[in-house]
């Protein structure tokens, strides 16, 4: 529902997901069109950053 909202609003060019590195099943994000950006750190914890363009 949130992704549909972002796609309908031209002011939101993309949605970012931060996922724990222990997450192994990422095909759902890839089917949506999300692409891997980088491994990032937030408050001392590591995450996998994915971006989904909504435009």
PDB file of N, CA and C in Angstrom:
ATOM      1  N   UNK A   1       0.823  -1.184   0.000  1.00  0.00           N
ATOM      2  CA  UNK A   1       0.000   0.000   0.000  1.00  0.00           C
ATOM      3  C   UNK A   1       0.877   1.261   0.000  1.00  0.00           C
ATOM      4  N   UNK A   2       1.958   1.248   0.774  1.00  0.00           N
ATOM      5  CA  UNK A   2       2.860   2.396   0.827  1.00  0.00           C
ATOM      6  C   UNK A   2       3.578   2.592  -0.502  1.00  0.00           C
ATOM      7  N   UNK A   3       3.939   1.502  -1.158  1.00  0.00           N
ATOM      8  CA  UNK A   3       4.613   1.613  -2.458  1.00  0.00           C
ATOM      9  C   UNK A   3       3.655   2.161  -3.500  1.00  0.00           C
ATOM     10  N   UNK A   4       2.413   1.734  -3.485  1.00  0.00           N
ATOM     11  CA  UNK A   4       1.413   2.284  -4.406  1.00  0.00           C
ATOM     12  C   UNK A   4       1.238   3.775  -4.181  1.00  0.00           C
ATOM     13  N   UNK A   5       1.229   4.203  -2.922  1.00  0.00           N
ATOM     14  CA  UNK A   5       1.116   5.628  -2.597  1.00  0.00           C
ATOM     15  C   UNK A   5       2.311   6.387  -3.170  1.00  0.00           C
ATOM     16  N   UNK A   6       3.520   5.844  -2.975  1.00  0.00           N
ATOM     17  CA  UNK A   6       4.724   6.512  -3.473  1.00  0.00           C
ATOM     18  C   UNK A   6       4.717   6.606  -4.992  1.00  0.00           C
ATOM     19  N   UNK A   7       4.243   5.563  -5.662  1.00  0.00           N
ATOM     20  CA  UNK A   7       4.188   5.589  -7.130  1.00  0.00           C
ATOM     21  C   UNK A   7       3.167   6.600  -7.642  1.00  0.00           C
ATOM     22  N   UNK A   8       2.127   6.851  -6.873  1.00  0.00           N
ATOM     23  CA  UNK A   8       1.085   7.797  -7.296  1.00  0.00           C
ATOM     24  C   UNK A   8       1.464   9.248  -7.024  1.00  0.00           C
ATOM     25  N   UNK A   9       2.470   9.481  -6.190  1.00  0.00           N
ATOM     26  CA  UNK A   9       2.857  10.840  -5.812  1.00  0.00           C
ATOM     27  C   UNK A   9       4.156  11.219  -6.522  1.00  0.00           C
ATOM     28  N   UNK A  10       4.090  12.155  -7.438  1.00  0.00           N
ATOM     29  CA  UNK A  10       5.249  12.561  -8.236  1.00  0.00           C
ATOM     30  C   UNK A  10       6.367  13.162  -7.385  1.00  0.00           C
ATOM     31  N   UNK A  11       6.066  13.582  -6.164  1.00  0.00           N
ATOM     32  CA  UNK A  11       7.097  14.161  -5.295  1.00  0.00           C
ATOM     33  C   UNK A  11       8.007  13.100  -4.676  1.00  0.00           C
ATOM     34  N   UNK A  12       7.657  11.824  -4.828  1.00  0.00           N
ATOM     35  CA  UNK A  12       8.441  10.735  -4.243  1.00  0.00           C
ATOM     36  C   UNK A  12       9.109   9.973  -5.386  1.00  0.00           C
ATOM     37  N   UNK A  13      10.383  10.301  -5.688  1.00  0.00           N
ATOM     38  CA  UNK A  13      11.044   9.671  -6.835  1.00  0.00           C
ATOM     39  C   UNK A  13      11.509   8.237  -6.578  1.00  0.00           C
ATOM     40  N   UNK A  14      11.698   7.859  -5.313  1.00  0.00           N
ATOM     41  CA  UNK A  14      12.138   6.505  -5.006  1.00  0.00           C
ATOM     42  C   UNK A  14      11.842   6.164  -3.548  1.00  0.00           C
ATOM     43  N   UNK A  15      11.886   4.864  -3.255  1.00  0.00           N
ATOM     44  CA  UNK A  15      11.709   4.350  -1.895  1.00  0.00           C
ATOM     45  C   UNK A  15      12.974   3.563  -1.568  1.00  0.00           C
ATOM     46  N   UNK A  16      13.486   3.746  -0.357  1.00  0.00           N
ATOM     47  CA  UNK A  16      14.689   3.050   0.083  1.00  0.00           C
ATOM     48  C   UNK A  16      14.328   2.024   1.149  1.00  0.00           C
ATOM     49  N   UNK A  17      14.914   0.844   1.035  1.00  0.00           N
ATOM     50  CA  UNK A  17      14.730  -0.223   2.020  1.00  0.00           C
ATOM     51  C   UNK A  17      16.073  -0.534   2.649  1.00  0.00           C
ATOM     52  N   UNK A  18      16.130  -0.620   3.966  1.00  0.00           N
ATOM     53  CA  UNK A  18      17.313  -1.092   4.668  1.00  0.00           C
ATOM     54  C   UNK A  18      16.973  -2.440   5.280  1.00  0.00           C
ATOM     55  N   UNK A  19      17.657  -3.459   4.832  1.00  0.00           N
ATOM     56  CA  UNK A  19      17.371  -4.817   5.264  1.00  0.00           C
ATOM     57  C   UNK A  19      18.565  -5.393   6.012  1.00  0.00           C
ATOM     58  N   UNK A  20      18.311  -6.226   7.007  1.00  0.00           N
ATOM     59  CA  UNK A  20      19.437  -6.840   7.719  1.00  0.00           C
ATOM     60  C   UNK A  20      20.205  -7.780   6.788  1.00  0.00           C
ATOM     61  N   UNK A  21      21.522  -7.853   6.948  1.00  0.00           N
ATOM     62  CA  UNK A  21      22.308  -8.724   6.071  1.00  0.00           C
ATOM     63  C   UNK A  21      21.968 -10.205   6.230  1.00  0.00           C
ATOM     64  N   UNK A  22      21.314 -10.558   7.317  1.00  0.00           N
ATOM     65  CA  UNK A  22      20.925 -11.956   7.517  1.00  0.00           C
ATOM     66  C   UNK A  22      19.750 -12.354   6.625  1.00  0.00           C
ATOM     67  N   UNK A  23      19.088 -11.387   6.048  1.00  0.00           N
ATOM     68  CA  UNK A  23      17.956 -11.680   5.158  1.00  0.00           C
ATOM     69  C   UNK A  23      18.471 -12.311   3.875  1.00  0.00           C
ATOM     70  N   UNK A  24      17.996 -13.480   3.574  1.00  0.00           N
ATOM     71  CA  UNK A  24      18.489 -14.234   2.416  1.00  0.00           C
ATOM     72  C   UNK A  24      17.525 -14.222   1.234  1.00  0.00           C
ATOM     73  N   UNK A  25      16.257 -14.089   1.482  1.00  0.00           N
ATOM     74  CA  UNK A  25      15.254 -14.168   0.412  1.00  0.00           C
ATOM     75  C   UNK A  25      14.902 -12.756  -0.055  1.00  0.00           C
ATOM     76  N   UNK A  26      15.501 -12.344  -1.160  1.00  0.00           N
ATOM     77  CA  UNK A  26      15.338 -10.974  -1.651  1.00  0.00           C
ATOM     78  C   UNK A  26      14.637 -10.923  -3.005  1.00  0.00           C
ATOM     79  N   UNK A  27      14.173 -12.050  -3.483  1.00  0.00           N
ATOM     80  CA  UNK A  27      13.541 -12.070  -4.813  1.00  0.00           C
ATOM     81  C   UNK A  27      12.300 -11.200  -4.901  1.00  0.00           C
ATOM     82  N   UNK A  28      11.565 -11.081  -3.801  1.00  0.00           N
ATOM     83  CA  UNK A  28      10.371 -10.240  -3.808  1.00  0.00           C
ATOM     84  C   UNK A  28      10.710  -8.789  -4.123  1.00  0.00           C
ATOM     85  N   UNK A  29      11.787  -8.304  -3.545  1.00  0.00           N
ATOM     86  CA  UNK A  29      12.226  -6.929  -3.828  1.00  0.00           C
ATOM     87  C   UNK A  29      12.694  -6.795  -5.269  1.00  0.00           C
ATOM     88  N   UNK A  30      13.401  -7.797  -5.752  1.00  0.00           N
ATOM     89  CA  UNK A  30      13.878  -7.756  -7.130  1.00  0.00           C
ATOM     90  C   UNK A  30      12.712  -7.814  -8.121  1.00  0.00           C
ATOM     91  N   UNK A  31      11.679  -8.588  -7.803  1.00  0.00           N
ATOM     92  CA  UNK A  31      10.494  -8.644  -8.682  1.00  0.00           C
ATOM     93  C   UNK A  31       9.787  -7.296  -8.742  1.00  0.00           C
ATOM     94  N   UNK A  32       9.822  -6.557  -7.638  1.00  0.00           N
ATOM     95  CA  UNK A  32       9.220  -5.220  -7.623  1.00  0.00           C
ATOM     96  C   UNK A  32      10.036  -4.224  -8.436  1.00  0.00           C
ATOM     97  N   UNK A  33      11.297  -4.553  -8.708  1.00  0.00           N
ATOM     98  CA  UNK A  33      12.176  -3.643  -9.436  1.00  0.00           C
ATOM     99  C   UNK A  33      13.209  -2.975  -8.552  1.00  0.00           C
ATOM    100  N   UNK A  34      13.288  -3.358  -7.281  1.00  0.00           N
ATOM    101  CA  UNK A  34      14.283  -2.776  -6.380  1.00  0.00           C
ATOM    102  C   UNK A  34      15.661  -3.295  -6.771  1.00  0.00           C
ATOM    103  N   UNK A  35      16.651  -2.423  -6.629  1.00  0.00           N
ATOM    104  CA  UNK A  35      18.019  -2.828  -6.954  1.00  0.00           C
ATOM    105  C   UNK A  35      18.930  -2.552  -5.766  1.00  0.00           C
ATOM    106  N   UNK A  36      19.927  -3.394  -5.617  1.00  0.00           N
ATOM    107  CA  UNK A  36      20.890  -3.245  -4.538  1.00  0.00           C
ATOM    108  C   UNK A  36      21.726  -2.001  -4.775  1.00  0.00           C
ATOM    109  N   UNK A  37      21.914  -1.180  -3.714  1.00  0.00           N
ATOM    110  CA  UNK A  37      22.705   0.042  -3.821  1.00  0.00           C
ATOM    111  C   UNK A  37      24.053  -0.143  -3.132  1.00  0.00           C
ATOM    112  N   UNK A  38      24.032  -0.556  -1.861  1.00  0.00           N
ATOM    113  CA  UNK A  38      25.276  -0.676  -1.106  1.00  0.00           C
ATOM    114  C   UNK A  38      25.005  -1.307   0.246  1.00  0.00           C
ATOM    115  N   UNK A  39      26.083  -1.686   0.900  1.00  0.00           N
ATOM    116  CA  UNK A  39      25.995  -2.057   2.304  1.00  0.00           C
ATOM    117  C   UNK A  39      26.256  -0.786   3.097  1.00  0.00           C
ATOM    118  N   UNK A  40      25.377  -0.469   4.054  1.00  0.00           N
ATOM    119  CA  UNK A  40      25.499   0.763   4.821  1.00  0.00           C
ATOM    120  C   UNK A  40      25.457   0.442   6.313  1.00  0.00           C
ATOM    121  N   UNK A  41      25.885   1.416   7.098  1.00  0.00           N
ATOM    122  CA  UNK A  41      25.845   1.280   8.548  1.00  0.00           C
ATOM    123  C   UNK A  41      24.940   2.365   9.118  1.00  0.00           C
ATOM    124  N   UNK A  42      24.087   1.975  10.055  1.00  0.00           N
ATOM    125  CA  UNK A  42      23.190   2.916  10.721  1.00  0.00           C
ATOM    126  C   UNK A  42      23.202   2.584  12.209  1.00  0.00           C
ATOM    127  N   UNK A  43      23.617   3.545  13.009  1.00  0.00           N
ATOM    128  CA  UNK A  43      23.705   3.382  14.456  1.00  0.00           C
ATOM    129  C   UNK A  43      24.468   2.121  14.847  1.00  0.00           C
ATOM    130  N   UNK A  44      25.564   1.877  14.149  1.00  0.00           N
ATOM    131  CA  UNK A  44      26.431   0.760  14.473  1.00  0.00           C
ATOM    132  C   UNK A  44      26.023  -0.587  13.914  1.00  0.00           C
ATOM    133  N   UNK A  45      24.911  -0.656  13.239  1.00  0.00           N
ATOM    134  CA  UNK A  45      24.442  -1.918  12.660  1.00  0.00           C
ATOM    135  C   UNK A  45      24.556  -1.865  11.136  1.00  0.00           C
ATOM    136  N   UNK A  46      24.909  -2.993  10.528  1.00  0.00           N
ATOM    137  CA  UNK A  46      25.029  -3.065   9.080  1.00  0.00           C
ATOM    138  C   UNK A  46      23.711  -3.445   8.415  1.00  0.00           C
ATOM    139  N   UNK A  47      23.475  -2.864   7.249  1.00  0.00           N
ATOM    140  CA  UNK A  47      22.244  -3.126   6.494  1.00  0.00           C
ATOM    141  C   UNK A  47      22.553  -3.217   5.007  1.00  0.00           C
ATOM    142  N   UNK A  48      21.680  -3.881   4.288  1.00  0.00           N
ATOM    143  CA  UNK A  48      21.715  -3.903   2.831  1.00  0.00           C
ATOM    144  C   UNK A  48      20.726  -2.844   2.343  1.00  0.00           C
ATOM    145  N   UNK A  49      21.207  -1.932   1.536  1.00  0.00           N
ATOM    146  CA  UNK A  49      20.351  -0.838   1.059  1.00  0.00           C
ATOM    147  C   UNK A  49      19.866  -1.151  -0.356  1.00  0.00           C
ATOM    148  N   UNK A  50      18.550  -1.125  -0.515  1.00  0.00           N
ATOM    149  CA  UNK A  50      17.907  -1.331  -1.812  1.00  0.00           C
ATOM    150  C   UNK A  50      17.095  -0.093  -2.166  1.00  0.00           C
ATOM    151  N   UNK A  51      16.999   0.189  -3.449  1.00  0.00           N
ATOM    152  CA  UNK A  51      16.247   1.363  -3.920  1.00  0.00           C
ATOM    153  C   UNK A  51      15.248   0.925  -4.980  1.00  0.00           C
ATOM    154  N   UNK A  52      14.032   1.434  -4.833  1.00  0.00           N
ATOM    155  CA  UNK A  52      12.959   1.177  -5.790  1.00  0.00           C
ATOM    156  C   UNK A  52      12.529   2.506  -6.386  1.00  0.00           C
ATOM    157  N   UNK A  53      12.786   2.688  -7.684  1.00  0.00           N
ATOM    158  CA  UNK A  53      12.363   3.911  -8.357  1.00  0.00           C
ATOM    159  C   UNK A  53      10.854   3.875  -8.543  1.00  0.00           C
ATOM    160  N   UNK A  54      10.199   4.992  -8.271  1.00  0.00           N
ATOM    161  CA  UNK A  54       8.739   5.031  -8.341  1.00  0.00           C
ATOM    162  C   UNK A  54       8.245   5.835  -9.543  1.00  0.00           C
ATOM    163  N   UNK A  55       9.149   6.485 -10.237  1.00  0.00           N
ATOM    164  CA  UNK A  55       8.743   7.312 -11.379  1.00  0.00           C
ATOM    165  C   UNK A  55       8.561   6.502 -12.633  1.00  0.00           C
TER     166      UNK A  55
END
